[in-house]
Amino acid sequence: MAGHSHWAGIKHKKGRQDKQRSKTFTKLSREITVAAKLGSKDPDSNPRLRTAIQNAKQFNMPKDNIERAIQKSEISIDQNFENITYEALIPNKAMLIIESLTDNKNRSVSSIRTILQKNSVRMVPEGSVLHNFFRCGVIQLDKTDLTDEKFLEIAAECGAKDCTSYSVHEATTEMEDFYKVKSMLENHSSKILYSGLEWRAFNPVELNEADKENVMDIISQLDEDDDVQRVFTNLK
């Protein structure tokens, strides 16, 4: 920061934070719009929309933004978004699953491929990486609402596949049971911090710090792309 005032540094940092916040809101809004477009506008009867709204609230998205995203589902009738999954291999044995939500497949694949090639990462054919992962639902609850013992008891009763408690309570489910288990957990706790469908590795790999930082940097670059919703890796 030589040659820059302290205030200039703060403004620069705040600018990055505001930019990241804007990108996050764009992605969350897109998921809300698509969920509302594919189902009911009422989150109580549309589990995907309810999940999208809950996740948006966790990022402190204003209520007005959420309502606009729902309304946009009626305005953008001719704008069709498509969920596309890309797979990639990093030379250090790390794998990536990249989920995108886009209204322009050509733009999306071109942008993602450019980021990967710049980092010497190879995009691979469908299925090359996926067989090393399993699809599951993940639901995380605030620990202040339930004791560890009570959470484990309730999660088991709800049909969770696995559950654990660390800094949060976390329940994992079979993909097809995700919304059912989530709805049942909501009856016992109003403090759901996060929920979503994820890809998790069967055999996570351990990398040295340098390689791990390299993978996280690639993921960060992918996150900058508006079409990329989430990125999963097989790192421990």
Foldseek 3Di string as FASTA:
>chain_A
DPPDDPVVVVVVVVVVVVLLLVLLLLLLLQQLLQQCLVDPLDCVVRVSNVQSVLQCVLSVDDPVSSVVSNVVNVVPVVQAWDWDWWKKADPVRKIKIWIFIDSDVVVVVVVLVVLQVVLVMDTDDPPPPQVQWAKKKKWWFQCVQDPQVVLVVQLVVQAFPDWDDDNITMTIHHPVCRSSSVVSVCVRDVGTNHIDMDIEGPAADEDDPVVVVSVVVSQVVSSSDSGTNHMDMSHD
